[in-house]
Each structure stands twice: as C-alpha cells, then as structure tokens.
C-alpha cells in the first residue's frame, strides 16, 4: 500500500503560474476540524484553542471544547474559498477576518495551512479532523 501523495503549492504540486487548487468548500463542510501549531507565541497567547473542534456549516460554525465538554453555535461566522488555495473566515460581529492559505494535503486527512490575521500576524499549522463529540 502506498503512502498518500502530498499535494499543493508547498509540496511542489504547483508553481507561481500553476498552483494546485487546494481550497474546496465541500471538503470542509459539515465536518469537525481542529487547528494546531508549533508556534510558541500563538500557543502562549491563545492557549485554549487547541482544545476546540469546529464544525463548519453553511450558516455558521459550532465550536466544541473537548477538554471541558461544552460547545456553542455561532451563526455570525462566514467562511468560503476566495480563490484556489485560500479560505476567508470572517466574524461578522467584529469584522475580524482570517485567511487560511491551504498549502497542501498531508497525512491522516490533515491540511497544512498558513493562517493570517490582519496584515501582520501569520501562523503556520495544521487543520486536522476531530472526533464528532456527539458520536458514540
């Protein structure tokens, strides 16, 4: 059995003139996801995010805290692919916008991403599938 092939711009799957399309909304819709990073600054300033799983729906996002066993549905989050490799995620209450550049698909169903907030904050990490908290 062969290993899955890494895809996307970061893994040599595209060039400046021909990037591999890695952002497909249907790949993320109605699935549970978790973001993780080795970035020490991000882990220091936002320590609780590693316990959160998010269910991306068409009309909002459900956040579930695995460690504490609680969740919240938030219908003021919008997300969609703005181009072939970038997803835009917006909090419509605050106007905060995040961009997730999907650099490639890796192992275990994870995506290698670069998350940008504003114009100065960028964090590299992975978006990986989470266990559905309501599934037995």
N, C-alpha and C. Protein backbone atom coordinates (compact mmCIF):
# COMPACT_ATOMS: atom_id res chain seq x y z
N UNK A 1 0.85 -1.18 0.00
CA UNK A 1 0.00 0.00 0.00
C UNK A 1 0.90 1.24 0.00
N UNK A 2 0.63 2.18 -0.87
CA UNK A 2 1.48 3.37 -0.96
C UNK A 2 0.96 4.46 -0.03
N UNK A 3 1.88 5.33 0.37
CA UNK A 3 1.52 6.48 1.19
C UNK A 3 0.74 7.48 0.35
N UNK A 4 -0.15 8.27 0.99
CA UNK A 4 -0.84 9.30 0.21
C UNK A 4 0.18 10.32 -0.30
N UNK A 5 -0.04 10.83 -1.48
CA UNK A 5 0.87 11.81 -2.07
C UNK A 5 0.55 13.20 -1.53
N UNK A 6 1.57 13.90 -1.03
CA UNK A 6 1.38 15.27 -0.58
C UNK A 6 1.10 16.14 -1.79
N UNK A 7 0.14 17.04 -1.65
CA UNK A 7 -0.24 17.88 -2.76
C UNK A 7 -0.15 19.34 -2.36
N UNK A 8 -0.31 20.21 -3.31
CA UNK A 8 -0.36 21.63 -3.03
C UNK A 8 0.93 22.35 -3.35
N UNK A 9 0.84 23.66 -3.27
CA UNK A 9 1.94 24.54 -3.64
C UNK A 9 3.21 24.25 -2.83
N UNK A 10 3.09 24.09 -1.54
CA UNK A 10 4.26 23.88 -0.69
C UNK A 10 4.99 22.59 -1.05
N UNK A 11 4.29 21.61 -1.52
CA UNK A 11 4.89 20.30 -1.77
C UNK A 11 5.29 20.11 -3.22
N UNK A 12 5.45 21.20 -3.95
CA UNK A 12 5.92 21.09 -5.33
C UNK A 12 4.83 20.71 -6.31
N UNK A 13 3.59 20.76 -5.87
CA UNK A 13 2.49 20.40 -6.75
C UNK A 13 2.05 21.52 -7.66
N UNK A 14 2.67 22.68 -7.55
CA UNK A 14 2.32 23.80 -8.41
C UNK A 14 3.47 24.78 -8.47
N UNK A 15 3.34 25.74 -9.33
CA UNK A 15 4.33 26.79 -9.47
C UNK A 15 3.60 28.12 -9.38
N UNK A 16 4.33 29.21 -9.47
CA UNK A 16 3.67 30.52 -9.45
C UNK A 16 2.64 30.63 -10.58
N UNK A 17 2.89 29.95 -11.68
CA UNK A 17 1.97 30.03 -12.81
C UNK A 17 0.90 28.95 -12.81
N UNK A 18 1.04 27.95 -11.95
CA UNK A 18 0.07 26.86 -11.96
C UNK A 18 -0.10 26.20 -10.62
N UNK A 19 -0.65 26.91 -9.64
CA UNK A 19 -0.86 26.35 -8.32
C UNK A 19 -1.91 25.24 -8.37
N UNK A 20 -1.72 24.26 -7.53
CA UNK A 20 -2.72 23.22 -7.36
C UNK A 20 -3.86 23.81 -6.52
N UNK A 21 -5.08 23.60 -6.94
CA UNK A 21 -6.21 24.09 -6.15
C UNK A 21 -6.39 23.20 -4.94
N UNK A 22 -6.32 23.79 -3.75
CA UNK A 22 -6.42 23.04 -2.50
C UNK A 22 -7.62 23.46 -1.67
N UNK A 23 -8.28 24.55 -2.02
CA UNK A 23 -9.43 25.02 -1.25
C UNK A 23 -10.71 24.61 -1.96
N UNK A 24 -11.37 23.62 -1.39
CA UNK A 24 -12.65 23.14 -1.89
C UNK A 24 -13.60 23.12 -0.71
N UNK A 25 -14.60 23.98 -0.73
CA UNK A 25 -15.52 24.12 0.40
C UNK A 25 -16.17 22.80 0.79
N UNK A 26 -16.49 21.96 -0.19
CA UNK A 26 -17.14 20.69 0.11
C UNK A 26 -16.24 19.75 0.92
N UNK A 27 -14.92 19.95 0.88
CA UNK A 27 -14.00 19.14 1.68
C UNK A 27 -14.08 19.48 3.16
N UNK A 28 -14.56 20.68 3.49
CA UNK A 28 -14.60 21.15 4.88
C UNK A 28 -16.00 21.20 5.46
N UNK A 29 -17.01 21.29 4.62
CA UNK A 29 -18.40 21.47 5.04
C UNK A 29 -18.91 20.27 5.84
N UNK A 30 -19.57 20.59 6.97
CA UNK A 30 -20.21 19.60 7.84
C UNK A 30 -19.24 18.56 8.39
N UNK A 31 -18.01 18.99 8.65
CA UNK A 31 -17.00 18.13 9.26
C UNK A 31 -16.38 18.86 10.44
N UNK A 32 -15.87 18.10 11.39
CA UNK A 32 -15.23 18.65 12.58
C UNK A 32 -13.74 18.82 12.34
N UNK A 33 -13.20 20.02 12.72
CA UNK A 33 -11.79 20.33 12.47
C UNK A 33 -11.14 20.95 13.70
N UNK A 34 -9.84 20.73 13.83
CA UNK A 34 -9.04 21.30 14.90
C UNK A 34 -7.80 21.93 14.29
N UNK A 35 -7.39 23.09 14.79
CA UNK A 35 -6.17 23.74 14.34
C UNK A 35 -5.07 23.50 15.37
N UNK A 36 -3.88 23.16 14.91
CA UNK A 36 -2.74 23.00 15.83
C UNK A 36 -1.52 23.66 15.20
N UNK A 37 -0.61 24.12 16.06
CA UNK A 37 0.60 24.77 15.59
C UNK A 37 1.73 24.54 16.59
N UNK A 38 2.95 24.59 16.07
CA UNK A 38 4.13 24.54 16.93
C UNK A 38 4.62 25.94 17.28
N UNK A 39 3.89 26.96 16.86
CA UNK A 39 4.26 28.34 17.09
C UNK A 39 4.12 28.67 18.58
N UNK A 40 5.23 28.90 19.27
CA UNK A 40 5.23 29.13 20.72
C UNK A 40 4.46 30.39 21.08
N UNK A 41 4.54 31.43 20.27
CA UNK A 41 3.84 32.68 20.57
C UNK A 41 2.33 32.46 20.51
N UNK A 42 1.84 31.80 19.46
CA UNK A 42 0.41 31.52 19.34
C UNK A 42 -0.06 30.65 20.50
N UNK A 43 0.73 29.66 20.87
CA UNK A 43 0.35 28.77 21.96
C UNK A 43 0.34 29.48 23.31
N UNK A 44 1.14 30.53 23.45
CA UNK A 44 1.18 31.30 24.70
C UNK A 44 0.00 32.25 24.81
N UNK A 45 -0.29 32.97 23.72
CA UNK A 45 -1.33 33.99 23.77
C UNK A 45 -2.75 33.44 23.59
N UNK A 46 -2.90 32.29 22.95
CA UNK A 46 -4.23 31.70 22.76
C UNK A 46 -4.15 30.24 23.18
N UNK A 47 -3.95 29.98 24.47
CA UNK A 47 -3.71 28.60 24.90
C UNK A 47 -4.90 27.66 24.76
N UNK A 48 -6.14 28.15 24.79
CA UNK A 48 -7.30 27.27 24.78
C UNK A 48 -7.72 26.76 23.42
N UNK A 49 -7.19 27.33 22.33
CA UNK A 49 -7.68 26.95 21.01
C UNK A 49 -7.39 25.49 20.69
N UNK A 50 -6.36 24.92 21.30
CA UNK A 50 -6.00 23.54 20.96
C UNK A 50 -7.05 22.53 21.45
N UNK A 51 -7.92 22.94 22.38
CA UNK A 51 -8.99 22.08 22.86
C UNK A 51 -10.27 22.21 22.03
N UNK A 52 -10.29 23.15 21.09
CA UNK A 52 -11.50 23.42 20.32
C UNK A 52 -11.56 22.63 19.03
N UNK A 53 -12.71 22.05 18.78
CA UNK A 53 -13.03 21.48 17.48
C UNK A 53 -14.14 22.34 16.90
N UNK A 54 -14.11 22.54 15.60
CA UNK A 54 -15.12 23.37 14.95
C UNK A 54 -15.82 22.56 13.88
N UNK A 55 -17.15 22.65 13.88
CA UNK A 55 -17.98 22.05 12.84
C UNK A 55 -18.38 23.17 11.90
N UNK A 56 -17.94 23.09 10.66
CA UNK A 56 -18.21 24.15 9.70
C UNK A 56 -19.50 23.85 8.95
N UNK A 57 -20.48 24.71 9.15
CA UNK A 57 -21.75 24.59 8.45
C UNK A 57 -21.91 25.70 7.45
N UNK A 58 -22.94 25.65 6.64
CA UNK A 58 -23.16 26.69 5.64
C UNK A 58 -23.57 28.01 6.27
N UNK A 59 -24.22 27.96 7.44
CA UNK A 59 -24.75 29.18 8.05
C UNK A 59 -24.11 29.50 9.39
N UNK A 60 -22.94 28.98 9.64
CA UNK A 60 -22.26 29.25 10.91
C UNK A 60 -21.30 28.14 11.27
N UNK A 61 -20.77 28.25 12.48
CA UNK A 61 -19.78 27.30 12.97
C UNK A 61 -20.15 26.89 14.39
N UNK A 62 -20.03 25.59 14.69
CA UNK A 62 -20.18 25.10 16.05
C UNK A 62 -18.78 24.89 16.61
N UNK A 63 -18.51 25.51 17.76
CA UNK A 63 -17.24 25.30 18.45
C UNK A 63 -17.50 24.36 19.62
N UNK A 64 -16.67 23.34 19.79
CA UNK A 64 -16.80 22.38 20.88
C UNK A 64 -15.49 22.29 21.63
N UNK A 65 -15.53 22.50 22.94
CA UNK A 65 -14.34 22.38 23.77
C UNK A 65 -14.27 20.96 24.28
N UNK A 66 -13.33 20.19 23.74
CA UNK A 66 -13.20 18.77 24.09
C UNK A 66 -12.81 18.58 25.55
N UNK A 67 -11.93 19.42 26.05
CA UNK A 67 -11.44 19.26 27.42
C UNK A 67 -12.52 19.54 28.46
N UNK A 68 -13.36 20.55 28.19
CA UNK A 68 -14.37 20.95 29.17
C UNK A 68 -15.76 20.43 28.87
N UNK A 69 -15.97 19.87 27.67
CA UNK A 69 -17.26 19.27 27.34
C UNK A 69 -18.40 20.25 27.12
N UNK A 70 -18.13 21.39 26.54
CA UNK A 70 -19.19 22.35 26.21
C UNK A 70 -19.01 22.85 24.78
N UNK A 71 -20.07 23.38 24.22
CA UNK A 71 -20.00 23.90 22.86
C UNK A 71 -20.91 25.09 22.67
N UNK A 72 -20.74 25.74 21.52
CA UNK A 72 -21.56 26.90 21.20
C UNK A 72 -21.72 26.99 19.69
N UNK A 73 -22.94 27.31 19.26
CA UNK A 73 -23.21 27.55 17.85
C UNK A 73 -23.13 29.04 17.59
N UNK A 74 -22.38 29.44 16.59
CA UNK A 74 -22.21 30.85 16.27
C UNK A 74 -22.56 31.08 14.81
N UNK A 75 -23.69 31.75 14.59
CA UNK A 75 -24.14 31.97 13.22
C UNK A 75 -23.57 33.25 12.61
N UNK A 76 -22.66 33.91 13.31
CA UNK A 76 -22.07 35.13 12.79
C UNK A 76 -20.66 34.91 12.24
N UNK A 77 -20.32 33.67 11.96
CA UNK A 77 -19.06 33.35 11.28
C UNK A 77 -19.37 32.94 9.86
N UNK A 78 -18.67 33.54 8.91
CA UNK A 78 -18.80 33.17 7.50
C UNK A 78 -17.46 32.63 7.03
N UNK A 79 -17.50 31.64 6.16
CA UNK A 79 -16.26 31.09 5.61
C UNK A 79 -16.52 30.61 4.20
N UNK A 80 -15.55 30.82 3.32
CA UNK A 80 -15.66 30.38 1.94
C UNK A 80 -14.29 30.50 1.28
N UNK A 81 -14.12 29.78 0.19
CA UNK A 81 -12.88 29.86 -0.59
C UNK A 81 -12.92 31.12 -1.44
N UNK A 82 -11.88 31.94 -1.32
CA UNK A 82 -11.82 33.16 -2.12
C UNK A 82 -11.04 32.95 -3.40
N UNK A 83 -10.23 31.89 -3.43
CA UNK A 83 -9.52 31.52 -4.65
C UNK A 83 -9.12 30.06 -4.54
N UNK A 84 -8.24 29.60 -5.38
CA UNK A 84 -7.92 28.18 -5.44
C UNK A 84 -7.23 27.60 -4.24
N UNK A 85 -6.59 28.45 -3.40
CA UNK A 85 -5.89 27.89 -2.25
C UNK A 85 -6.11 28.65 -0.95
N UNK A 86 -7.05 29.59 -0.91
CA UNK A 86 -7.24 30.40 0.28
C UNK A 86 -8.71 30.46 0.70
N UNK A 87 -8.92 30.24 2.01
CA UNK A 87 -10.24 30.35 2.60
C UNK A 87 -10.29 31.63 3.43
N UNK A 88 -11.38 32.36 3.34
CA UNK A 88 -11.60 33.57 4.13
C UNK A 88 -12.61 33.25 5.22
N UNK A 89 -12.26 33.57 6.47
CA UNK A 89 -13.12 33.30 7.62
C UNK A 89 -13.36 34.63 8.31
N UNK A 90 -14.64 35.03 8.44
CA UNK A 90 -14.97 36.35 8.97
C UNK A 90 -15.94 36.25 10.13
N UNK A 91 -15.63 36.97 11.22
CA UNK A 91 -16.56 37.17 12.33
C UNK A 91 -17.36 38.41 11.96
N UNK A 92 -18.62 38.24 11.56
CA UNK A 92 -19.40 39.37 11.07
C UNK A 92 -19.80 40.34 12.18
N UNK A 93 -19.72 39.94 13.45
CA UNK A 93 -20.00 40.86 14.55
C UNK A 93 -18.87 41.87 14.73
N UNK A 94 -17.65 41.41 14.66
CA UNK A 94 -16.49 42.27 14.93
C UNK A 94 -15.81 42.74 13.66
N UNK A 95 -16.04 42.04 12.55
CA UNK A 95 -15.35 42.35 11.32
C UNK A 95 -13.98 41.72 11.23
N UNK A 96 -13.57 40.96 12.26
CA UNK A 96 -12.28 40.29 12.23
C UNK A 96 -12.26 39.29 11.08
N UNK A 97 -11.17 39.30 10.32
CA UNK A 97 -11.04 38.41 9.17
C UNK A 97 -9.75 37.62 9.27
N UNK A 98 -9.85 36.34 9.00
CA UNK A 98 -8.71 35.44 8.95
C UNK A 98 -8.64 34.86 7.55
N UNK A 99 -7.44 34.63 7.08
CA UNK A 99 -7.25 33.96 5.80
C UNK A 99 -6.44 32.69 6.06
N UNK A 100 -6.94 31.58 5.56
CA UNK A 100 -6.25 30.31 5.71
C UNK A 100 -5.78 29.87 4.33
N UNK A 101 -4.47 30.01 4.09
CA UNK A 101 -3.91 29.53 2.83
C UNK A 101 -3.63 28.05 3.01
N UNK A 102 -4.24 27.23 2.18
CA UNK A 102 -4.11 25.78 2.29
C UNK A 102 -2.94 25.36 1.42
N UNK A 103 -1.81 25.07 2.07
CA UNK A 103 -0.57 24.81 1.37
C UNK A 103 -0.50 23.40 0.80
N UNK A 104 -1.28 22.50 1.37
CA UNK A 104 -1.29 21.14 0.86
C UNK A 104 -2.03 20.20 1.76
N UNK A 105 -2.31 19.02 1.22
CA UNK A 105 -2.97 17.97 1.96
C UNK A 105 -1.90 16.99 2.38
N UNK A 106 -1.88 16.66 3.68
CA UNK A 106 -0.86 15.75 4.18
C UNK A 106 -1.44 14.43 4.61
N UNK A 107 -0.93 13.91 5.68
CA UNK A 107 -1.31 12.60 6.18
C UNK A 107 -2.47 12.70 7.17
N UNK A 108 -3.17 11.60 7.36
CA UNK A 108 -4.28 11.49 8.32
C UNK A 108 -5.39 12.50 8.07
N UNK A 109 -5.58 12.93 6.83
CA UNK A 109 -6.65 13.85 6.49
C UNK A 109 -6.40 15.28 6.90
N UNK A 110 -5.17 15.62 7.27
CA UNK A 110 -4.82 16.97 7.72
C UNK A 110 -4.44 17.85 6.54
N UNK A 111 -4.62 19.15 6.73
CA UNK A 111 -4.22 20.14 5.75
C UNK A 111 -3.14 21.03 6.38
N UNK A 112 -2.08 21.26 5.64
CA UNK A 112 -1.00 22.16 6.04
C UNK A 112 -1.45 23.57 5.67
N UNK A 113 -1.53 24.49 6.65
CA UNK A 113 -2.09 25.81 6.39
C UNK A 113 -1.20 26.93 6.94
N UNK A 114 -1.42 28.11 6.38
CA UNK A 114 -0.83 29.33 6.90
C UNK A 114 -2.01 30.25 7.20
N UNK A 115 -2.24 30.57 8.48
CA UNK A 115 -3.34 31.41 8.91
C UNK A 115 -2.83 32.84 9.08
N UNK A 116 -3.52 33.80 8.48
CA UNK A 116 -3.13 35.20 8.59
C UNK A 116 -4.29 35.98 9.19
N UNK A 117 -3.96 36.82 10.20
CA UNK A 117 -4.94 37.70 10.81
C UNK A 117 -4.45 39.12 10.59
N UNK A 118 -5.28 39.95 9.97
CA UNK A 118 -4.86 41.31 9.66
C UNK A 118 -3.75 41.27 8.62
N UNK A 119 -2.80 42.16 8.79
CA UNK A 119 -1.69 42.22 7.83
C UNK A 119 -0.36 41.80 8.43
N UNK A 120 -0.34 41.55 9.75
CA UNK A 120 0.95 41.30 10.39
C UNK A 120 1.08 39.97 11.11
N UNK A 121 -0.01 39.32 11.44
CA UNK A 121 0.07 38.09 12.23
C UNK A 121 -0.14 36.89 11.32
N UNK A 122 0.87 36.03 11.25
CA UNK A 122 0.80 34.82 10.44
C UNK A 122 1.30 33.64 11.26
N UNK A 123 0.55 32.54 11.24
CA UNK A 123 0.90 31.34 11.99
C UNK A 123 0.75 30.14 11.07
N UNK A 124 1.78 29.31 10.98
CA UNK A 124 1.71 28.07 10.23
C UNK A 124 1.25 26.95 11.14
N UNK A 125 0.47 26.03 10.59
CA UNK A 125 -0.01 24.91 11.39
C UNK A 125 -0.75 23.90 10.54
N UNK A 126 -1.55 23.10 11.22
CA UNK A 126 -2.33 22.05 10.56
C UNK A 126 -3.79 22.15 10.96
N UNK A 127 -4.67 21.88 10.01
CA UNK A 127 -6.09 21.68 10.31
C UNK A 127 -6.34 20.19 10.11
N UNK A 128 -6.76 19.54 11.19
CA UNK A 128 -6.95 18.08 11.16
C UNK A 128 -8.37 17.73 11.58
N UNK A 129 -8.86 16.60 11.12
CA UNK A 129 -10.20 16.16 11.54
C UNK A 129 -10.27 15.91 13.04
N UNK A 130 -11.42 16.22 13.63
CA UNK A 130 -11.70 15.95 15.04
C UNK A 130 -12.78 14.88 15.12
N UNK A 131 -12.84 14.24 16.25
CA UNK A 131 -13.91 13.28 16.55
C UNK A 131 -15.21 14.05 16.77
N UNK A 132 -16.28 13.62 16.16
CA UNK A 132 -17.59 14.20 16.39
C UNK A 132 -17.95 13.97 17.86
N UNK A 133 -18.15 15.05 18.66
CA UNK A 133 -18.41 14.86 20.09
C UNK A 133 -19.75 14.20 20.39
N UNK A 134 -20.64 14.16 19.41
CA UNK A 134 -21.97 13.58 19.62
C UNK A 134 -22.07 12.16 19.08
N UNK A 135 -20.97 11.67 18.56
CA UNK A 135 -20.94 10.32 18.01
C UNK A 135 -20.47 9.35 19.09
N UNK A 136 -21.15 8.29 19.25
CA UNK A 136 -20.80 7.32 20.30
C UNK A 136 -19.68 6.43 19.84
